[in-house]
Amino acid sequence: MKPPSTPFAALDQPTPPPDKAASWRLYQFGRGSLILLAVFFIWSNGFVIDTLMLLGLGILILASLPVLNWAKHRRTWFPAFEVAMLTCIPFYALPLLSRENEVRSYPEESVILSGIAVLIYLVCAHAGFAFVRHPKKPARWTVTSLIPVQSYRFVPIGLLLNTVYLYIITFTDLIPGEFSGTLRALFFGVGTLSTFILSRLLGLGMLRSGQIWFFIGNLAAQIVFLFSQLYLINGISLVALALIAYSASRRRVPWLILVVFTPIVALLHLGKSDMRSLYWEAERKPPTLTELPAYFSEWIGYSLETSRERDEGLVTQSTIFERASLIQMLCLCTEQVPNYHPFLWGESYIDLPAQVIPRFLWPGKPSSLMANVRLGIYFGLIDPDDPYSVSIAFGMIAESFVNFGLAGVGLLGFLAGALFKRISLWAQDVPQFSALGILMILLTAWSFQAELVLATWLTSLFQASLVCIGLPLAYRHFSSR
């Protein structure tokens, strides 16, 4: 086989099996971490194994098994399904195991039912994943590289364009509101692909030193720009995407990045509420680029003050996992439905078909956020007269329960597992820049978006796919003619 002329051309070569020793070390590390985590929570609960402990441990184990099997059996597909299952650990398992305040505020029967719902989702997802074994051969156009080899060198430029775009929307008003959604889909899609591809090449050891520093510099700038908007989750998602691509290629956990990044996020998290009060509620003017050092210094100051007050018992501060948890919304749903509110019977999914129609063809098309708004109004959490003033994360498990109960949760899990498995098998050993290769990257990036409801998740994925797959398909079609 002729060697690739550039590192990027290697992406269109068949994916070789990962190193056996590295895969085994990753598997052993994951299994050891799972055992230690389980033992820690059992010990912290005084070795009392009650119903909540059993539910939390069950979620912890079932959510970890896919990625352990992926490492043990040296799978070559990107771990989209595996990461999607792992998100159940911080969002559901850890709050149950640590008995966070958000869990204790609900009746025990509602918390138990919520834990059972997550277990049903995981079991059915495993069943759906195992159900699909040998899908039919994909269409030829889905496995054909869409981008000419000579264009591969522009991948780093996609990362740079996303950095420039984030700078513009963060510090200027150059982009009109009517174009913001379209441009966000365009640059977010291109940025996602570029970040994933460069991280994967870094894991494979195929980037030169200059390319590595270019990648790190742009990634750091994007994280700073995203954090300056006071949405930590956006920056965390970007880093998570890069870590997934790197670890999937190298079969190694990048400890240095985790050791540096995790404490920074935890520290900023402590002062986030104070900063939002100043810059959102008090409407203080957002910082300019040159004011960022002072801005983050102020943020760290509030974080340290909050940490001191918490240590002195003056305030009760939730942990970062508690604030990231979706279990409280699921507990709310299991407590209220059907005891006080009837099942919605698919009402929150009613706008799904409309999302495939471009807005320029239907200016009055319902927003993909309407499902989230409906749920918020249904439970009296947001003002119907100003529904978009507050964003509440329900997650797809809670949404499916509100619509169809435990049966809906099980169906959601089965369909998710079957869909991920089918695409994973199709996308094995295809060119990275084919339609299936690009779709697998996007699915991996979207796999940890567990806080979204189904309409928002599918719509954002559809928009990114139009940009990252639709445009190259159109280019290939017209250039061949």
Protein backbone atom coordinates (compact mmCIF):
# COMPACT_ATOMS: atom_id res chain seq x y z
CA MET A 1 0.00 0.00 0.00
CA LYS A 2 1.35 3.41 -0.93
CA PRO A 3 2.04 5.54 2.18
CA PRO A 4 -0.05 8.68 2.57
CA SER A 5 1.50 11.89 1.30
CA THR A 6 0.30 13.92 4.31
CA PRO A 7 -0.86 13.04 7.83
CA PHE A 8 -4.40 13.98 6.81
CA ALA A 9 -4.35 11.56 3.87
CA ALA A 10 -3.86 8.76 6.42
CA LEU A 11 -7.46 9.34 7.51
CA ASP A 12 -8.66 7.79 4.26
CA GLN A 13 -6.64 4.62 4.84
CA PRO A 14 -8.23 1.56 6.53
CA THR A 15 -8.08 1.91 10.31
CA PRO A 16 -5.49 -0.55 11.68
CA PRO A 17 -6.34 -2.54 14.82
CA PRO A 18 -5.27 -0.62 17.94
CA ASP A 19 -2.22 -1.72 19.88
CA LYS A 20 -3.10 -4.79 21.92
CA ALA A 21 -1.06 -3.81 24.98
CA ALA A 22 -2.40 -0.23 25.00
CA SER A 23 -5.98 -1.47 24.67
CA TRP A 24 -5.49 -3.93 27.52
CA ARG A 25 -4.00 -1.23 29.76
CA LEU A 26 -6.95 1.06 29.01
CA TYR A 27 -9.35 -1.78 29.83
CA GLN A 28 -7.55 -2.57 33.09
CA PHE A 29 -7.51 1.09 34.06
CA GLY A 30 -11.24 1.42 33.40
CA ARG A 31 -12.11 -1.73 35.30
CA GLY A 32 -9.92 -0.71 38.24
CA SER A 33 -11.47 2.76 38.33
CA LEU A 34 -14.96 1.26 38.30
CA ILE A 35 -14.16 -1.04 41.22
CA LEU A 36 -12.50 1.74 43.25
CA LEU A 37 -15.41 4.10 42.64
CA ALA A 38 -17.96 1.50 43.72
CA VAL A 39 -15.95 0.65 46.86
CA PHE A 40 -15.58 4.34 47.71
CA PHE A 41 -19.31 5.00 47.65
CA ILE A 42 -20.10 1.84 49.61
CA TRP A 43 -17.52 2.90 52.21
CA SER A 44 -18.82 6.49 52.34
CA ASN A 45 -22.33 5.11 53.00
CA GLY A 46 -21.07 3.18 56.01
CA PHE A 47 -21.16 -0.12 54.10
CA VAL A 48 -24.96 0.11 54.07
CA ILE A 49 -26.21 -1.19 50.72
CA ASP A 50 -29.80 0.01 50.41
CA THR A 51 -32.07 0.43 47.39
CA LEU A 52 -30.56 3.74 46.24
CA MET A 53 -27.06 2.33 46.55
CA LEU A 54 -28.01 -0.70 44.46
CA LEU A 55 -29.63 1.50 41.81
CA GLY A 56 -26.60 3.80 41.65
CA LEU A 57 -24.18 0.88 41.40
CA GLY A 58 -26.33 -0.72 38.71
CA ILE A 59 -26.27 2.46 36.63
CA LEU A 60 -22.53 2.83 37.22
CA ILE A 61 -21.81 -0.71 36.00
CA LEU A 62 -24.19 -0.74 33.03
CA ALA A 63 -22.97 2.67 31.86
CA SER A 64 -19.33 1.54 32.06
CA LEU A 65 -19.62 -1.86 30.37
CA PRO A 66 -19.78 -0.58 26.74
CA VAL A 67 -16.54 1.39 26.92
CA LEU A 68 -14.81 -1.44 28.80
CA ASN A 69 -15.84 -3.90 26.08
CA TRP A 70 -14.78 -1.39 23.43
CA ALA A 71 -11.26 -1.25 24.92
CA LYS A 72 -11.01 -4.97 25.73
CA HIS A 73 -12.08 -6.16 22.27
CA ARG A 74 -10.03 -3.49 20.44
CA ARG A 75 -12.98 -2.02 18.57
CA THR A 76 -12.02 0.24 15.67
CA TRP A 77 -15.21 2.30 15.55
CA PHE A 78 -15.41 5.65 17.32
CA PRO A 79 -16.97 5.18 20.78
CA ALA A 80 -20.12 7.24 20.18
CA PHE A 81 -22.47 4.75 21.85
CA GLU A 82 -19.94 4.07 24.59
CA VAL A 83 -19.62 7.77 25.47
CA ALA A 84 -23.41 8.23 25.36
CA MET A 85 -23.73 5.49 27.98
CA LEU A 86 -20.94 6.98 30.10
CA THR A 87 -22.84 10.27 30.43
CA CYS A 88 -25.33 8.44 32.68
CA ILE A 89 -22.63 8.25 35.37
CA PRO A 90 -22.27 11.99 36.20
CA PHE A 91 -25.88 12.82 35.37
CA TYR A 92 -27.58 9.97 37.23
CA ALA A 93 -25.32 7.48 39.02
CA LEU A 94 -23.14 9.84 41.07
CA PRO A 95 -26.04 11.88 42.53
CA LEU A 96 -27.74 8.64 43.63
CA LEU A 97 -24.56 7.22 45.13
CA SER A 98 -23.54 10.44 46.90
CA ARG A 99 -27.11 11.31 48.07
CA GLU A 100 -26.92 14.88 46.82
CA ASN A 101 -29.36 17.53 48.08
CA GLU A 102 -31.28 17.39 44.82
CA VAL A 103 -32.04 13.71 45.45
CA ARG A 104 -32.96 14.11 49.11
CA SER A 105 -35.50 16.83 48.30
CA TYR A 106 -37.81 14.33 46.55
CA PRO A 107 -39.84 11.47 48.04
CA GLU A 108 -37.86 8.25 48.16
CA GLU A 109 -40.34 6.44 45.93
CA SER A 110 -39.83 9.06 43.20
CA VAL A 111 -36.04 8.75 43.46
CA ILE A 112 -36.27 4.95 43.30
CA LEU A 113 -38.56 5.13 40.27
CA SER A 114 -36.10 7.52 38.61
CA GLY A 115 -33.24 5.12 39.21
CA ILE A 116 -35.31 2.26 37.80
CA ALA A 117 -36.08 4.37 34.71
CA VAL A 118 -32.37 4.95 34.05
CA LEU A 119 -31.67 1.24 34.53
CA ILE A 120 -34.42 0.38 32.04
CA TYR A 121 -32.95 2.85 29.57
CA LEU A 122 -29.47 1.31 29.91
CA VAL A 123 -30.67 -2.30 29.73
CA CYS A 124 -32.73 -1.57 26.61
CA ALA A 125 -29.85 0.36 25.05
CA HIS A 126 -27.60 -2.68 25.59
CA ALA A 127 -30.30 -4.88 24.06
CA GLY A 128 -30.67 -2.60 21.02
CA PHE A 129 -26.90 -2.52 20.55
CA ALA A 130 -26.67 -6.33 20.73
CA PHE A 131 -29.70 -6.75 18.44
CA VAL A 132 -27.93 -5.26 15.41
CA ARG A 133 -25.24 -7.68 14.22
CA HIS A 134 -24.75 -7.61 10.45
CA PRO A 135 -26.48 -4.64 8.82
CA LYS A 136 -26.85 -4.49 5.08
CA LYS A 137 -23.97 -3.05 3.13
CA PRO A 138 -24.22 0.77 3.04
CA ALA A 139 -24.74 2.63 -0.21
CA ARG A 140 -21.60 3.37 -2.18
CA TRP A 141 -22.01 7.13 -1.98
CA THR A 142 -21.87 6.97 1.83
CA VAL A 143 -18.43 5.33 1.85
CA THR A 144 -16.80 7.39 -0.89
CA SER A 145 -14.50 10.19 0.20
CA LEU A 146 -16.22 13.51 -0.40
CA ILE A 147 -13.19 15.78 -0.20
CA PRO A 148 -10.24 15.71 -2.65
CA VAL A 149 -6.95 14.63 -1.11
CA GLN A 150 -5.38 17.98 -1.99
CA SER A 151 -7.96 19.68 0.24
CA TYR A 152 -6.98 17.76 3.40
CA ARG A 153 -4.36 20.34 4.26
CA PHE A 154 -7.17 22.83 4.94
CA VAL A 155 -8.38 20.95 8.03
CA PRO A 156 -6.38 23.22 10.40
CA ILE A 157 -7.91 26.23 8.65
CA GLY A 158 -11.36 24.97 9.71
CA LEU A 159 -10.20 25.12 13.32
CA LEU A 160 -8.88 28.65 12.81
CA LEU A 161 -12.14 29.78 11.19
CA ASN A 162 -14.09 28.55 14.20
CA THR A 163 -11.73 30.48 16.50
CA VAL A 164 -12.30 33.65 14.46
CA TYR A 165 -16.06 33.05 14.49
CA LEU A 166 -16.09 32.64 18.28
CA TYR A 167 -14.10 35.85 18.61
CA ILE A 168 -16.61 37.73 16.44
CA ILE A 169 -19.74 36.53 18.26
CA THR A 170 -18.13 37.02 21.68
CA PHE A 171 -16.64 40.49 21.30
CA THR A 172 -18.47 42.14 18.37
CA ASP A 173 -21.96 42.69 16.96
CA LEU A 174 -20.96 42.09 13.35
CA ILE A 175 -23.29 39.13 12.77
CA PRO A 176 -27.00 40.04 12.43
CA GLY A 177 -29.42 38.02 14.53
CA GLU A 178 -31.23 36.53 11.53
CA PHE A 179 -27.99 34.88 10.34
CA SER A 180 -26.71 33.74 13.73
CA GLY A 181 -28.34 30.28 13.67
CA THR A 182 -27.13 29.42 10.17
CA LEU A 183 -23.60 30.65 10.78
CA ARG A 184 -23.45 28.89 14.12
CA ALA A 185 -24.34 25.58 12.46
CA LEU A 186 -21.74 26.21 9.74
CA PHE A 187 -18.80 27.11 11.97
CA PHE A 188 -19.71 24.76 14.81
CA GLY A 189 -19.88 21.87 12.36
CA VAL A 190 -16.58 22.75 10.71
CA GLY A 191 -14.96 23.35 14.10
CA THR A 192 -16.22 20.03 15.46
CA LEU A 193 -14.78 18.11 12.51
CA SER A 194 -11.46 19.96 12.64
CA THR A 195 -11.07 19.48 16.40
CA PHE A 196 -11.89 15.80 16.22
CA ILE A 197 -9.61 15.10 13.25
CA LEU A 198 -6.62 17.00 14.67
CA SER A 199 -7.09 15.31 18.07
CA ARG A 200 -7.17 11.92 16.40
CA LEU A 201 -4.03 12.65 14.39
CA LEU A 202 -2.36 13.85 17.59
CA GLY A 203 -3.26 10.56 19.25
CA LEU A 204 -1.82 8.67 16.27
CA GLY A 205 1.41 10.68 16.50
CA MET A 206 1.03 12.12 13.00
CA LEU A 207 1.21 15.87 13.76
CA ARG A 208 4.42 17.85 13.56
CA SER A 209 5.41 20.10 16.46
CA GLY A 210 4.21 23.25 14.67
CA GLN A 211 0.84 21.67 13.96
CA ILE A 212 0.54 20.56 17.59
CA TRP A 213 1.11 24.07 18.92
CA PHE A 214 -1.27 25.50 16.33
CA PHE A 215 -3.93 23.04 17.52
CA ILE A 216 -3.31 23.70 21.22
CA GLY A 217 -3.31 27.47 20.72
CA ASN A 218 -6.61 27.53 18.84
CA LEU A 219 -8.23 25.10 21.29
CA ALA A 220 -7.11 27.22 24.25
CA ALA A 221 -8.44 30.39 22.62
CA GLN A 222 -11.81 28.76 21.92
CA ILE A 223 -12.10 27.55 25.51
CA VAL A 224 -11.35 31.05 26.83
CA PHE A 225 -13.91 32.64 24.48
CA LEU A 226 -16.56 30.07 25.45
CA PHE A 227 -15.88 30.39 29.18
CA SER A 228 -16.08 34.18 28.93
CA GLN A 229 -19.75 33.75 27.94
CA LEU A 230 -20.30 32.16 31.41
CA TYR A 231 -21.38 28.84 29.92
CA LEU A 232 -18.81 26.36 31.21
CA ILE A 233 -20.55 23.41 29.57
CA ASN A 234 -19.64 24.63 26.07
CA GLY A 235 -15.93 24.69 26.83
CA ILE A 236 -16.14 21.39 28.69
CA SER A 237 -17.83 19.79 25.68
CA LEU A 238 -15.07 21.04 23.38
CA VAL A 239 -12.37 19.54 25.60
CA ALA A 240 -14.35 16.32 25.99
CA LEU A 241 -14.56 15.96 22.22
CA ALA A 242 -10.81 16.40 21.85
CA LEU A 243 -10.10 13.92 24.66
CA ILE A 244 -12.44 11.32 23.14
CA ALA A 245 -10.72 11.53 19.75
CA TYR A 246 -7.25 11.42 21.31
CA SER A 247 -8.01 8.52 23.66
CA ALA A 248 -9.81 6.54 20.95
CA SER A 249 -6.71 6.70 18.76
CA ARG A 250 -3.97 6.33 21.36
CA ARG A 251 -5.87 4.09 23.83
CA ARG A 252 -4.49 6.18 26.65
CA VAL A 253 -6.02 8.68 29.05
CA PRO A 254 -4.33 12.12 28.70
CA TRP A 255 -3.70 12.62 32.40
CA LEU A 256 -1.82 15.91 32.04
CA ILE A 257 -4.79 17.60 30.39
CA LEU A 258 -7.22 16.21 32.97
CA VAL A 259 -5.01 17.20 35.92
CA VAL A 260 -4.74 20.78 34.62
CA PHE A 261 -8.22 21.31 33.19
CA THR A 262 -10.41 19.71 35.88
CA PRO A 263 -9.28 21.94 38.81
CA ILE A 264 -9.68 25.03 36.63
CA VAL A 265 -13.27 24.12 35.78
CA ALA A 266 -14.03 23.24 39.41
CA LEU A 267 -12.65 26.59 40.58
CA LEU A 268 -14.54 28.65 37.99
CA HIS A 269 -17.70 26.72 38.78
CA LEU A 270 -17.67 28.05 42.37
CA GLY A 271 -17.85 31.69 41.25
CA LYS A 272 -20.09 31.22 38.22
CA SER A 273 -23.30 32.28 40.00
CA ASP A 274 -21.74 35.54 41.24
CA MET A 275 -20.46 36.37 37.78
CA ARG A 276 -23.83 35.64 36.19
CA SER A 277 -25.50 37.92 38.74
CA LEU A 278 -23.17 40.75 37.75
CA TYR A 279 -23.10 40.30 34.00
CA TRP A 280 -26.60 38.97 33.37
CA GLU A 281 -28.91 40.27 36.08
CA ALA A 282 -27.07 43.54 36.80
CA GLU A 283 -26.35 43.82 33.05
CA ARG A 284 -22.73 44.80 33.45
CA LYS A 285 -21.01 45.32 30.09
CA PRO A 286 -19.30 42.14 28.79
CA PRO A 287 -15.49 42.23 28.72
CA THR A 288 -13.47 43.10 25.66
CA LEU A 289 -10.56 40.96 24.54
CA THR A 290 -8.03 43.08 26.44
CA GLU A 291 -10.20 42.97 29.58
CA LEU A 292 -10.23 39.15 29.74
CA PRO A 293 -7.31 38.88 32.23
CA ALA A 294 -9.10 41.19 34.68
CA TYR A 295 -12.41 39.43 33.97
CA PHE A 296 -11.07 35.99 34.86
CA SER A 297 -9.16 37.40 37.85
CA GLU A 298 -12.46 38.77 39.17
CA TRP A 299 -14.11 35.40 38.52
CA ILE A 300 -11.38 33.52 40.39
CA GLY A 301 -11.73 35.98 43.26
CA TYR A 302 -15.43 35.19 43.63
CA SER A 303 -14.64 31.48 43.41
CA LEU A 304 -12.07 31.68 46.20
CA GLU A 305 -14.44 33.72 48.35
CA THR A 306 -17.22 31.19 47.83
CA SER A 307 -14.80 28.38 48.68
CA ARG A 308 -13.80 30.12 51.92
CA GLU A 309 -17.42 30.72 52.91
CA ARG A 310 -18.31 27.10 52.18
CA ASP A 311 -15.40 25.87 54.32
CA GLU A 312 -16.60 28.09 57.16
CA GLY A 313 -20.16 26.78 56.79
CA LEU A 314 -21.55 30.16 55.75
CA VAL A 315 -22.98 28.86 52.48
CA THR A 316 -23.96 25.51 51.07
CA GLN A 317 -22.37 25.06 47.68
CA SER A 318 -23.32 22.22 45.38
CA THR A 319 -20.62 20.17 43.74
CA ILE A 320 -19.91 20.37 40.04
CA PHE A 321 -21.47 16.93 39.54
CA GLU A 322 -24.60 18.00 41.37
CA ARG A 323 -24.99 21.05 39.18
CA ALA A 324 -24.40 18.93 36.09
CA SER A 325 -26.94 16.32 37.16
CA LEU A 326 -30.21 15.63 35.37
CA ILE A 327 -31.54 13.38 38.11
CA GLN A 328 -33.54 16.17 39.75
CA MET A 329 -35.53 16.74 36.56
CA LEU A 330 -36.20 13.02 36.23
CA CYS A 331 -37.31 12.90 39.87
CA LEU A 332 -39.64 15.84 39.23
CA CYS A 333 -41.17 13.99 36.29
CA THR A 334 -41.61 10.69 38.14
CA GLU A 335 -43.14 12.51 41.10
CA GLN A 336 -45.60 14.58 39.05
CA VAL A 337 -46.50 12.18 36.22
CA PRO A 338 -49.06 10.62 36.21
CA ASN A 339 -50.00 11.45 39.83
CA TYR A 340 -50.61 15.16 39.23
CA HIS A 341 -50.11 15.57 35.47
CA PRO A 342 -51.18 13.13 32.74
CA PHE A 343 -48.75 11.66 30.24
CA LEU A 344 -48.17 13.89 27.22
CA TRP A 345 -48.50 10.99 24.75
CA GLY A 346 -45.98 12.42 22.32
CA GLU A 347 -46.84 16.12 22.57
CA SER A 348 -43.22 17.17 23.13
CA TYR A 349 -42.25 15.32 19.92
CA ILE A 350 -44.90 16.99 17.76
CA ASP A 351 -42.49 19.48 16.17
CA LEU A 352 -39.91 16.88 15.14
CA PRO A 353 -41.04 16.54 11.47
CA ALA A 354 -40.97 20.30 10.99
CA GLN A 355 -37.28 20.52 11.84
CA VAL A 356 -36.15 19.05 8.51
CA ILE A 357 -37.70 21.98 6.61
CA PRO A 358 -35.25 24.90 6.11
CA ARG A 359 -36.34 28.08 7.83
CA PHE A 360 -36.04 30.13 4.63
CA LEU A 361 -38.82 27.93 3.20
CA TRP A 362 -40.91 28.21 6.38
CA PRO A 363 -40.10 31.45 8.25
CA GLY A 364 -42.60 30.57 10.98
CA LYS A 365 -41.19 27.10 11.60
CA PRO A 366 -41.45 26.08 15.29
CA SER A 367 -38.16 26.32 17.14
CA SER A 368 -36.47 23.10 18.21
CA LEU A 369 -36.49 24.60 21.71
CA MET A 370 -40.29 24.41 21.82
CA ALA A 371 -40.17 20.88 23.28
CA ASN A 372 -38.10 22.16 26.18
CA VAL A 373 -40.43 25.14 26.57
CA ARG A 374 -43.50 22.89 26.62
CA LEU A 375 -42.02 20.78 29.37
CA GLY A 376 -41.03 23.84 31.40
CA ILE A 377 -44.52 25.34 31.11
CA TYR A 378 -46.14 21.97 31.81
CA PHE A 379 -44.44 21.76 35.19
CA GLY A 380 -44.76 25.48 35.97
CA LEU A 381 -41.02 26.10 35.87
CA ILE A 382 -41.00 28.97 33.37
CA ASP A 383 -43.21 31.94 32.62
CA PRO A 384 -45.46 31.28 29.58
CA ASP A 385 -45.30 34.99 28.71
CA ASP A 386 -41.49 34.91 28.54
CA PRO A 387 -40.69 31.26 27.75
CA TYR A 388 -37.17 31.76 26.39
CA SER A 389 -35.85 33.76 29.35
CA VAL A 390 -34.84 30.58 31.22
CA SER A 391 -33.30 27.41 29.84
CA ILE A 392 -33.96 24.21 31.81
CA ALA A 393 -32.21 20.95 30.93
CA PHE A 394 -34.59 17.99 31.08
CA GLY A 395 -32.71 15.36 29.09
CA MET A 396 -34.18 12.73 26.80
CA ILE A 397 -34.85 10.14 29.51
CA ALA A 398 -37.09 12.50 31.48
CA GLU A 399 -38.80 13.65 28.27
CA SER A 400 -39.56 10.08 27.21
CA PHE A 401 -41.00 9.29 30.66
CA VAL A 402 -43.29 12.33 30.59
CA ASN A 403 -44.62 11.22 27.22
CA PHE A 404 -44.96 7.45 27.55
CA GLY A 405 -43.77 6.39 31.01
CA LEU A 406 -41.30 3.57 31.53
CA ALA A 407 -42.29 2.03 28.18
CA GLY A 408 -41.14 5.19 26.43
CA VAL A 409 -37.85 5.15 28.33
CA GLY A 410 -37.21 1.55 27.27
CA LEU A 411 -38.08 2.27 23.64
CA LEU A 412 -35.78 5.29 23.60
CA GLY A 413 -32.90 3.20 24.93
CA PHE A 414 -33.46 0.35 22.46
CA LEU A 415 -33.67 2.67 19.45
CA ALA A 416 -30.57 4.58 20.56
CA GLY A 417 -28.54 1.39 21.02
CA ALA A 418 -29.66 -0.06 17.67
CA LEU A 419 -29.01 3.19 15.78
CA PHE A 420 -25.54 3.68 17.24
CA LYS A 421 -24.59 0.05 16.56
CA ARG A 422 -25.77 0.15 12.93
CA ILE A 423 -23.87 3.35 12.15
CA SER A 424 -20.79 2.13 14.05
CA LEU A 425 -20.63 -1.05 11.96
CA TRP A 426 -21.23 0.84 8.74
CA ALA A 427 -18.53 3.39 9.54
CA GLN A 428 -15.77 0.85 10.23
CA ASP A 429 -12.84 1.12 7.83
CA VAL A 430 -14.42 3.80 5.67
CA PRO A 431 -12.59 6.98 4.62
CA GLN A 432 -12.77 9.59 7.35
CA PHE A 433 -14.08 12.17 4.89
CA SER A 434 -16.86 9.96 3.56
CA ALA A 435 -20.46 10.66 4.55
CA LEU A 436 -20.43 7.83 7.12
CA GLY A 437 -17.02 8.81 8.44
CA ILE A 438 -18.11 12.39 9.00
CA LEU A 439 -21.44 11.28 10.49
CA MET A 440 -19.60 9.10 13.01
CA ILE A 441 -17.53 12.09 14.10
CA LEU A 442 -20.68 14.17 14.57
CA LEU A 443 -22.41 11.37 16.48
CA THR A 444 -19.42 11.08 18.78
CA ALA A 445 -19.50 14.83 19.38
CA TRP A 446 -23.23 14.75 20.10
CA SER A 447 -23.09 11.61 22.25
CA PHE A 448 -22.40 13.56 25.45
CA GLN A 449 -25.19 16.12 24.86
CA ALA A 450 -27.41 14.28 27.34
CA GLU A 451 -29.04 17.45 28.66
CA LEU A 452 -30.88 18.13 25.39
CA VAL A 453 -34.38 16.97 24.57
CA LEU A 454 -34.82 14.87 21.44
CA ALA A 455 -35.94 17.67 19.09
CA THR A 456 -33.02 19.93 20.00
CA TRP A 457 -30.54 17.04 19.79
CA LEU A 458 -31.73 15.89 16.38
CA THR A 459 -32.09 19.41 14.97
CA SER A 460 -28.59 20.50 15.95
CA LEU A 461 -27.17 17.22 14.60
CA PHE A 462 -29.16 17.65 11.38
CA GLN A 463 -27.89 21.20 10.89
CA ALA A 464 -24.29 20.15 11.44
CA SER A 465 -24.76 17.23 9.04
CA LEU A 466 -26.10 19.54 6.35
CA VAL A 467 -22.96 21.63 6.61
CA CYS A 468 -20.39 18.86 7.06
CA ILE A 469 -21.93 16.22 4.79
CA GLY A 470 -24.45 18.01 2.57
CA LEU A 471 -22.06 20.68 1.27
CA PRO A 472 -19.24 18.22 0.41
CA LEU A 473 -21.81 15.95 -1.27
CA ALA A 474 -23.05 18.85 -3.37
CA TYR A 475 -19.46 19.85 -4.20
CA ARG A 476 -18.59 16.31 -5.27
CA HIS A 477 -21.74 16.01 -7.36
CA PHE A 478 -21.25 19.24 -9.29
CA SER A 479 -17.47 18.93 -9.64
CA SER A 480 -17.85 15.43 -11.14
CA ARG A 481 -20.20 16.86 -13.75
